Amino acid sequence: DNMADMSRKGRVVSKGRPGVRHHNNKLTEEQVLDIRRRYTGERGQQQRLADEYGIAQSAVSQIVHRKTWRHLL
């Protein structure tokens, strides 16, 4: 009952904001989709994409392995 009441009143705290709504976001949805389209698994490619988009290589890895931006197909 308490959770339903909180939800009705808009007081539910989300565990995380997806994609462009996240406060630390540096990419648009289009850029994320472009990274996924272009990624072939070639050695060093994650770092090249990271440099191009101004993000960390680990962020590219998380994008291509769908650990982040999961809501995008």
PDB file of N, CA and C in Angstrom:
ATOM      1  N   ASP A   1       0.816  -1.203   0.000  1.00  0.00           N
ATOM      2  CA  ASP A   1       0.000   0.000   0.000  1.00  0.00           C
ATOM      3  C   ASP A   1       0.861   1.270   0.000  1.00  0.00           C
ATOM      4  N   ASN A   2       1.916   1.226   0.801  1.00  0.00           N
ATOM      5  CA  ASN A   2       2.788   2.403   0.858  1.00  0.00           C
ATOM      6  C   ASN A   2       3.446   2.680  -0.494  1.00  0.00           C
ATOM      7  N   MET A   3       3.910   1.624  -1.160  1.00  0.00           N
ATOM      8  CA  MET A   3       4.559   1.806  -2.462  1.00  0.00           C
ATOM      9  C   MET A   3       3.568   2.321  -3.501  1.00  0.00           C
ATOM     10  N   ALA A   4       2.357   1.810  -3.477  1.00  0.00           N
ATOM     11  CA  ALA A   4       1.333   2.268  -4.420  1.00  0.00           C
ATOM     12  C   ALA A   4       1.018   3.742  -4.167  1.00  0.00           C
ATOM     13  N   ASP A   5       0.936   4.124  -2.890  1.00  0.00           N
ATOM     14  CA  ASP A   5       0.667   5.514  -2.536  1.00  0.00           C
ATOM     15  C   ASP A   5       1.817   6.423  -3.010  1.00  0.00           C
ATOM     16  N   MET A   6       3.050   5.977  -2.801  1.00  0.00           N
ATOM     17  CA  MET A   6       4.213   6.756  -3.242  1.00  0.00           C
ATOM     18  C   MET A   6       4.186   6.941  -4.759  1.00  0.00           C
ATOM     19  N   SER A   7       3.866   5.862  -5.456  1.00  0.00           N
ATOM     20  CA  SER A   7       3.827   5.922  -6.912  1.00  0.00           C
ATOM     21  C   SER A   7       2.752   6.895  -7.399  1.00  0.00           C
ATOM     22  N   ARG A   8       1.579   6.819  -6.807  1.00  0.00           N
ATOM     23  CA  ARG A   8       0.485   7.727  -7.190  1.00  0.00           C
ATOM     24  C   ARG A   8       0.864   9.184  -6.983  1.00  0.00           C
ATOM     25  N   LYS A   9       1.648   9.444  -5.942  1.00  0.00           N
ATOM     26  CA  LYS A   9       2.027  10.816  -5.615  1.00  0.00           C
ATOM     27  C   LYS A   9       3.340  11.238  -6.270  1.00  0.00           C
ATOM     28  N   GLY A  10       3.919  10.347  -7.110  1.00  0.00           N
ATOM     29  CA  GLY A  10       5.144  10.701  -7.817  1.00  0.00           C
ATOM     30  C   GLY A  10       6.375  10.750  -6.942  1.00  0.00           C
ATOM     31  N   ARG A  11       6.393   9.955  -5.894  1.00  0.00           N
ATOM     32  CA  ARG A  11       7.520   9.974  -4.959  1.00  0.00           C
ATOM     33  C   ARG A  11       8.440   8.766  -5.074  1.00  0.00           C
ATOM     34  N   VAL A  12       8.262   7.975  -6.095  1.00  0.00           N
ATOM     35  CA  VAL A  12       9.103   6.794  -6.277  1.00  0.00           C
ATOM     36  C   VAL A  12      10.447   7.231  -6.834  1.00  0.00           C
ATOM     37  N   VAL A  13      11.510   6.800  -6.182  1.00  0.00           N
ATOM     38  CA  VAL A  13      12.849   7.141  -6.610  1.00  0.00           C
ATOM     39  C   VAL A  13      13.340   6.052  -7.551  1.00  0.00           C
ATOM     40  N   SER A  14      13.707   6.448  -8.753  1.00  0.00           N
ATOM     41  CA  SER A  14      14.207   5.516  -9.751  1.00  0.00           C
ATOM     42  C   SER A  14      15.631   5.105  -9.415  1.00  0.00           C
ATOM     43  N   LYS A  15      15.995   3.859  -9.761  1.00  0.00           N
ATOM     44  CA  LYS A  15      17.366   3.403  -9.536  1.00  0.00           C
ATOM     45  C   LYS A  15      18.338   4.058 -10.497  1.00  0.00           C
ATOM     46  N   GLY A  16      17.863   4.509 -11.604  1.00  0.00           N
ATOM     47  CA  GLY A  16      18.741   5.138 -12.575  1.00  0.00           C
ATOM     48  C   GLY A  16      17.933   5.735 -13.706  1.00  0.00           C
ATOM     49  N   ARG A  17      18.474   6.740 -14.300  1.00  0.00           N
ATOM     50  CA  ARG A  17      17.807   7.365 -15.433  1.00  0.00           C
ATOM     51  C   ARG A  17      18.463   6.866 -16.693  1.00  0.00           C
ATOM     52  N   PRO A  18      17.667   6.354 -17.611  1.00  0.00           N
ATOM     53  CA  PRO A  18      18.268   5.810 -18.816  1.00  0.00           C
ATOM     54  C   PRO A  18      18.710   6.891 -19.806  1.00  0.00           C
ATOM     55  N   GLY A  19      19.772   6.559 -20.505  1.00  0.00           N
ATOM     56  CA  GLY A  19      20.193   7.341 -21.658  1.00  0.00           C
ATOM     57  C   GLY A  19      20.383   8.818 -21.467  1.00  0.00           C
ATOM     58  N   VAL A  20      19.769   9.595 -22.335  1.00  0.00           N
ATOM     59  CA  VAL A  20      20.001  11.033 -22.382  1.00  0.00           C
ATOM     60  C   VAL A  20      19.502  11.758 -21.145  1.00  0.00           C
ATOM     61  N   ARG A  21      18.649  11.133 -20.349  1.00  0.00           N
ATOM     62  CA  ARG A  21      18.151  11.797 -19.132  1.00  0.00           C
ATOM     63  C   ARG A  21      19.128  11.684 -17.965  1.00  0.00           C
ATOM     64  N   HIS A  22      20.144  10.837 -18.080  1.00  0.00           N
ATOM     65  CA  HIS A  22      21.119  10.679 -17.001  1.00  0.00           C
ATOM     66  C   HIS A  22      21.992  11.928 -16.922  1.00  0.00           C
ATOM     67  N   HIS A  23      22.277  12.378 -15.708  1.00  0.00           N
ATOM     68  CA  HIS A  23      23.003  13.638 -15.520  1.00  0.00           C
ATOM     69  C   HIS A  23      24.446  13.609 -16.019  1.00  0.00           C
ATOM     70  N   ASN A  24      25.055  12.438 -16.134  1.00  0.00           N
ATOM     71  CA  ASN A  24      26.434  12.352 -16.619  1.00  0.00           C
ATOM     72  C   ASN A  24      26.529  12.001 -18.097  1.00  0.00           C
ATOM     73  N   ASN A  25      25.420  11.981 -18.768  1.00  0.00           N
ATOM     74  CA  ASN A  25      25.393  11.579 -20.163  1.00  0.00           C
ATOM     75  C   ASN A  25      26.220  12.510 -21.042  1.00  0.00           C
ATOM     76  N   LYS A  26      26.975  11.900 -21.972  1.00  0.00           N
ATOM     77  CA  LYS A  26      27.757  12.676 -22.935  1.00  0.00           C
ATOM     78  C   LYS A  26      27.343  12.377 -24.369  1.00  0.00           C
ATOM     79  N   LEU A  27      26.471  11.395 -24.566  1.00  0.00           N
ATOM     80  CA  LEU A  27      26.110  10.956 -25.904  1.00  0.00           C
ATOM     81  C   LEU A  27      24.617  11.124 -26.159  1.00  0.00           C
ATOM     82  N   THR A  28      24.282  11.227 -27.429  1.00  0.00           N
ATOM     83  CA  THR A  28      22.874  11.193 -27.824  1.00  0.00           C
ATOM     84  C   THR A  28      22.527   9.746 -28.176  1.00  0.00           C
ATOM     85  N   GLU A  29      21.248   9.469 -28.295  1.00  0.00           N
ATOM     86  CA  GLU A  29      20.824   8.130 -28.691  1.00  0.00           C
ATOM     87  C   GLU A  29      21.359   7.792 -30.074  1.00  0.00           C
ATOM     88  N   GLU A  30      21.393   8.759 -30.968  1.00  0.00           N
ATOM     89  CA  GLU A  30      21.902   8.532 -32.313  1.00  0.00           C
ATOM     90  C   GLU A  30      23.381   8.135 -32.291  1.00  0.00           C
ATOM     91  N   GLN A  31      24.159   8.765 -31.417  1.00  0.00           N
ATOM     92  CA  GLN A  31      25.573   8.434 -31.317  1.00  0.00           C
ATOM     93  C   GLN A  31      25.767   7.011 -30.786  1.00  0.00           C
ATOM     94  N   VAL A  32      24.963   6.631 -29.806  1.00  0.00           N
ATOM     95  CA  VAL A  32      25.048   5.278 -29.253  1.00  0.00           C
ATOM     96  C   VAL A  32      24.731   4.251 -30.338  1.00  0.00           C
ATOM     97  N   LEU A  33      23.671   4.497 -31.095  1.00  0.00           N
ATOM     98  CA  LEU A  33      23.309   3.580 -32.176  1.00  0.00           C
ATOM     99  C   LEU A  33      24.398   3.529 -33.238  1.00  0.00           C
ATOM    100  N   ASP A  34      25.043   4.663 -33.506  1.00  0.00           N
ATOM    101  CA  ASP A  34      26.139   4.701 -34.473  1.00  0.00           C
ATOM    102  C   ASP A  34      27.319   3.874 -33.969  1.00  0.00           C
ATOM    103  N   ILE A  35      27.645   3.985 -32.696  1.00  0.00           N
ATOM    104  CA  ILE A  35      28.737   3.194 -32.116  1.00  0.00           C
ATOM    105  C   ILE A  35      28.435   1.707 -32.285  1.00  0.00           C
ATOM    106  N   ARG A  36      27.209   1.308 -31.975  1.00  0.00           N
ATOM    107  CA  ARG A  36      26.846  -0.103 -32.117  1.00  0.00           C
ATOM    108  C   ARG A  36      26.892  -0.567 -33.563  1.00  0.00           C
ATOM    109  N   ARG A  37      26.447   0.276 -34.480  1.00  0.00           N
ATOM    110  CA  ARG A  37      26.470  -0.084 -35.908  1.00  0.00           C
ATOM    111  C   ARG A  37      27.894  -0.252 -36.418  1.00  0.00           C
ATOM    112  N   ARG A  38      28.770   0.640 -36.001  1.00  0.00           N
ATOM    113  CA  ARG A  38      30.136   0.657 -36.514  1.00  0.00           C
ATOM    114  C   ARG A  38      31.049  -0.375 -35.860  1.00  0.00           C
ATOM    115  N   TYR A  39      30.701  -0.842 -34.681  1.00  0.00           N
ATOM    116  CA  TYR A  39      31.580  -1.756 -33.951  1.00  0.00           C
ATOM    117  C   TYR A  39      31.608  -3.133 -34.611  1.00  0.00           C
ATOM    118  N   THR A  40      32.808  -3.595 -34.954  1.00  0.00           N
ATOM    119  CA  THR A  40      32.974  -4.897 -35.602  1.00  0.00           C
ATOM    120  C   THR A  40      33.760  -5.880 -34.743  1.00  0.00           C
ATOM    121  N   GLY A  41      34.342  -5.403 -33.663  1.00  0.00           N
ATOM    122  CA  GLY A  41      35.146  -6.267 -32.815  1.00  0.00           C
ATOM    123  C   GLY A  41      36.627  -6.227 -33.158  1.00  0.00           C
ATOM    124  N   GLU A  42      36.990  -5.404 -34.117  1.00  0.00           N
ATOM    125  CA  GLU A  42      38.396  -5.264 -34.517  1.00  0.00           C
ATOM    126  C   GLU A  42      39.237  -4.780 -33.335  1.00  0.00           C
ATOM    127  N   ARG A  43      40.429  -5.319 -33.226  1.00  0.00           N
ATOM    128  CA  ARG A  43      41.334  -4.951 -32.136  1.00  0.00           C
ATOM    129  C   ARG A  43      41.597  -3.436 -32.162  1.00  0.00           C
ATOM    130  N   GLY A  44      41.437  -2.788 -31.017  1.00  0.00           N
ATOM    131  CA  GLY A  44      41.696  -1.357 -30.897  1.00  0.00           C
ATOM    132  C   GLY A  44      40.528  -0.467 -31.297  1.00  0.00           C
ATOM    133  N   GLN A  45      39.472  -1.061 -31.825  1.00  0.00           N
ATOM    134  CA  GLN A  45      38.360  -0.261 -32.315  1.00  0.00           C
ATOM    135  C   GLN A  45      37.607   0.451 -31.185  1.00  0.00           C
ATOM    136  N   GLN A  46      37.464  -0.196 -30.051  1.00  0.00           N
ATOM    137  CA  GLN A  46      36.775   0.466 -28.938  1.00  0.00           C
ATOM    138  C   GLN A  46      37.487   1.753 -28.551  1.00  0.00           C
ATOM    139  N   GLN A  47      38.805   1.721 -28.498  1.00  0.00           N
ATOM    140  CA  GLN A  47      39.555   2.928 -28.133  1.00  0.00           C
ATOM    141  C   GLN A  47      39.413   4.007 -29.190  1.00  0.00           C
ATOM    142  N   ARG A  48      39.434   3.623 -30.461  1.00  0.00           N
ATOM    143  CA  ARG A  48      39.268   4.616 -31.536  1.00  0.00           C
ATOM    144  C   ARG A  48      37.891   5.276 -31.463  1.00  0.00           C
ATOM    145  N   LEU A  49      36.857   4.468 -31.232  1.00  0.00           N
ATOM    146  CA  LEU A  49      35.512   5.032 -31.100  1.00  0.00           C
ATOM    147  C   LEU A  49      35.424   5.930 -29.863  1.00  0.00           C
ATOM    148  N   ALA A  50      36.044   5.506 -28.787  1.00  0.00           N
ATOM    149  CA  ALA A  50      36.045   6.305 -27.556  1.00  0.00           C
ATOM    150  C   ALA A  50      36.705   7.662 -27.795  1.00  0.00           C
ATOM    151  N   ASP A  51      37.837   7.650 -28.474  1.00  0.00           N
ATOM    152  CA  ASP A  51      38.542   8.904 -28.769  1.00  0.00           C
ATOM    153  C   ASP A  51      37.680   9.816 -29.648  1.00  0.00           C
ATOM    154  N   GLU A  52      37.019   9.221 -30.626  1.00  0.00           N
ATOM    155  CA  GLU A  52      36.180   9.997 -31.538  1.00  0.00           C
ATOM    156  C   GLU A  52      35.015  10.668 -30.813  1.00  0.00           C
ATOM    157  N   TYR A  53      34.421   9.968 -29.851  1.00  0.00           N
ATOM    158  CA  TYR A  53      33.249  10.498 -29.157  1.00  0.00           C
ATOM    159  C   TYR A  53      33.583  11.165 -27.822  1.00  0.00           C
ATOM    160  N   GLY A  54      34.852  11.184 -27.442  1.00  0.00           N
ATOM    161  CA  GLY A  54      35.260  11.853 -26.211  1.00  0.00           C
ATOM    162  C   GLY A  54      34.785  11.143 -24.957  1.00  0.00           C
ATOM    163  N   ILE A  55      34.780   9.807 -25.003  1.00  0.00           N
ATOM    164  CA  ILE A  55      34.366   9.007 -23.858  1.00  0.00           C
ATOM    165  C   ILE A  55      35.442   7.967 -23.577  1.00  0.00           C
ATOM    166  N   ALA A  56      35.312   7.267 -22.467  1.00  0.00           N
ATOM    167  CA  ALA A  56      36.277   6.228 -22.106  1.00  0.00           C
ATOM    168  C   ALA A  56      36.044   4.960 -22.923  1.00  0.00           C
ATOM    169  N   GLN A  57      37.113   4.201 -23.128  1.00  0.00           N
ATOM    170  CA  GLN A  57      37.001   2.928 -23.832  1.00  0.00           C
ATOM    171  C   GLN A  57      36.031   2.008 -23.117  1.00  0.00           C
ATOM    172  N   SER A  58      36.023   2.040 -21.784  1.00  0.00           N
ATOM    173  CA  SER A  58      35.112   1.181 -21.027  1.00  0.00           C
ATOM    174  C   SER A  58      33.650   1.538 -21.300  1.00  0.00           C
ATOM    175  N   ALA A  59      33.378   2.805 -21.575  1.00  0.00           N
ATOM    176  CA  ALA A  59      32.006   3.217 -21.909  1.00  0.00           C
ATOM    177  C   ALA A  59      31.585   2.624 -23.245  1.00  0.00           C
ATOM    178  N   VAL A  60      32.505   2.585 -24.201  1.00  0.00           N
ATOM    179  CA  VAL A  60      32.202   1.970 -25.496  1.00  0.00           C
ATOM    180  C   VAL A  60      31.937   0.484 -25.295  1.00  0.00           C
ATOM    181  N   SER A  61      32.758  -0.162 -24.495  1.00  0.00           N
ATOM    182  CA  SER A  61      32.568  -1.582 -24.222  1.00  0.00           C
ATOM    183  C   SER A  61      31.191  -1.849 -23.625  1.00  0.00           C
ATOM    184  N   GLN A  62      30.796  -1.035 -22.670  1.00  0.00           N
ATOM    185  CA  GLN A  62      29.484  -1.211 -22.043  1.00  0.00           C
ATOM    186  C   GLN A  62      28.348  -0.968 -23.027  1.00  0.00           C
ATOM    187  N   ILE A  63      28.543  -0.046 -23.941  1.00  0.00           N
ATOM    188  CA  ILE A  63      27.522   0.235 -24.959  1.00  0.00           C
ATOM    189  C   ILE A  63      27.375  -0.951 -25.902  1.00  0.00           C
ATOM    190  N   VAL A  64      28.488  -1.439 -26.452  1.00  0.00           N
ATOM    191  CA  VAL A  64      28.400  -2.508 -27.449  1.00  0.00           C
ATOM    192  C   VAL A  64      27.977  -3.836 -26.841  1.00  0.00           C
ATOM    193  N   HIS A  65      28.218  -4.029 -25.549  1.00  0.00           N
ATOM    194  CA  HIS A  65      27.785  -5.259 -24.877  1.00  0.00           C
ATOM    195  C   HIS A  65      26.442  -5.079 -24.168  1.00  0.00           C
ATOM    196  N   ARG A  66      25.787  -3.947 -24.432  1.00  0.00           N
ATOM    197  CA  ARG A  66      24.443  -3.630 -23.937  1.00  0.00           C
ATOM    198  C   ARG A  66      24.316  -3.670 -22.414  1.00  0.00           C
ATOM    199  N   LYS A  67      25.380  -3.251 -21.732  1.00  0.00           N
ATOM    200  CA  LYS A  67      25.307  -3.107 -20.280  1.00  0.00           C
ATOM    201  C   LYS A  67      24.780  -1.731 -19.921  1.00  0.00           C
ATOM    202  N   THR A  68      24.931  -0.795 -20.847  1.00  0.00           N
ATOM    203  CA  THR A  68      24.329   0.532 -20.711  1.00  0.00           C
ATOM    204  C   THR A  68      23.522   0.805 -21.973  1.00  0.00           C
ATOM    205  N   TRP A  69      22.639   1.740 -21.908  1.00  0.00           N
ATOM    206  CA  TRP A  69      21.776   2.105 -23.035  1.00  0.00           C
ATOM    207  C   TRP A  69      20.976   0.894 -23.509  1.00  0.00           C
ATOM    208  N   ARG A  70      20.562   0.039 -22.577  1.00  0.00           N
ATOM    209  CA  ARG A  70      19.824  -1.191 -22.906  1.00  0.00           C
ATOM    210  C   ARG A  70      18.472  -0.915 -23.530  1.00  0.00           C
ATOM    211  N   HIS A  71      17.931   0.247 -23.248  1.00  0.00           N
ATOM    212  CA  HIS A  71      16.581   0.556 -23.762  1.00  0.00           C
ATOM    213  C   HIS A  71      16.584   0.811 -25.266  1.00  0.00           C
ATOM    214  N   LEU A  72      17.765   0.981 -25.863  1.00  0.00           N
ATOM    215  CA  LEU A  72      17.849   1.184 -27.313  1.00  0.00           C
ATOM    216  C   LEU A  72      18.045  -0.157 -28.000  1.00  0.00           C
ATOM    217  N   LEU A  73      17.369  -0.343 -29.106  1.00  0.00           N
ATOM    218  CA  LEU A  73      17.482  -1.607 -29.843  1.00  0.00           C
ATOM    219  C   LEU A  73      18.643  -1.631 -30.773  1.00  0.00           C
TER     220      LEU A  73
END
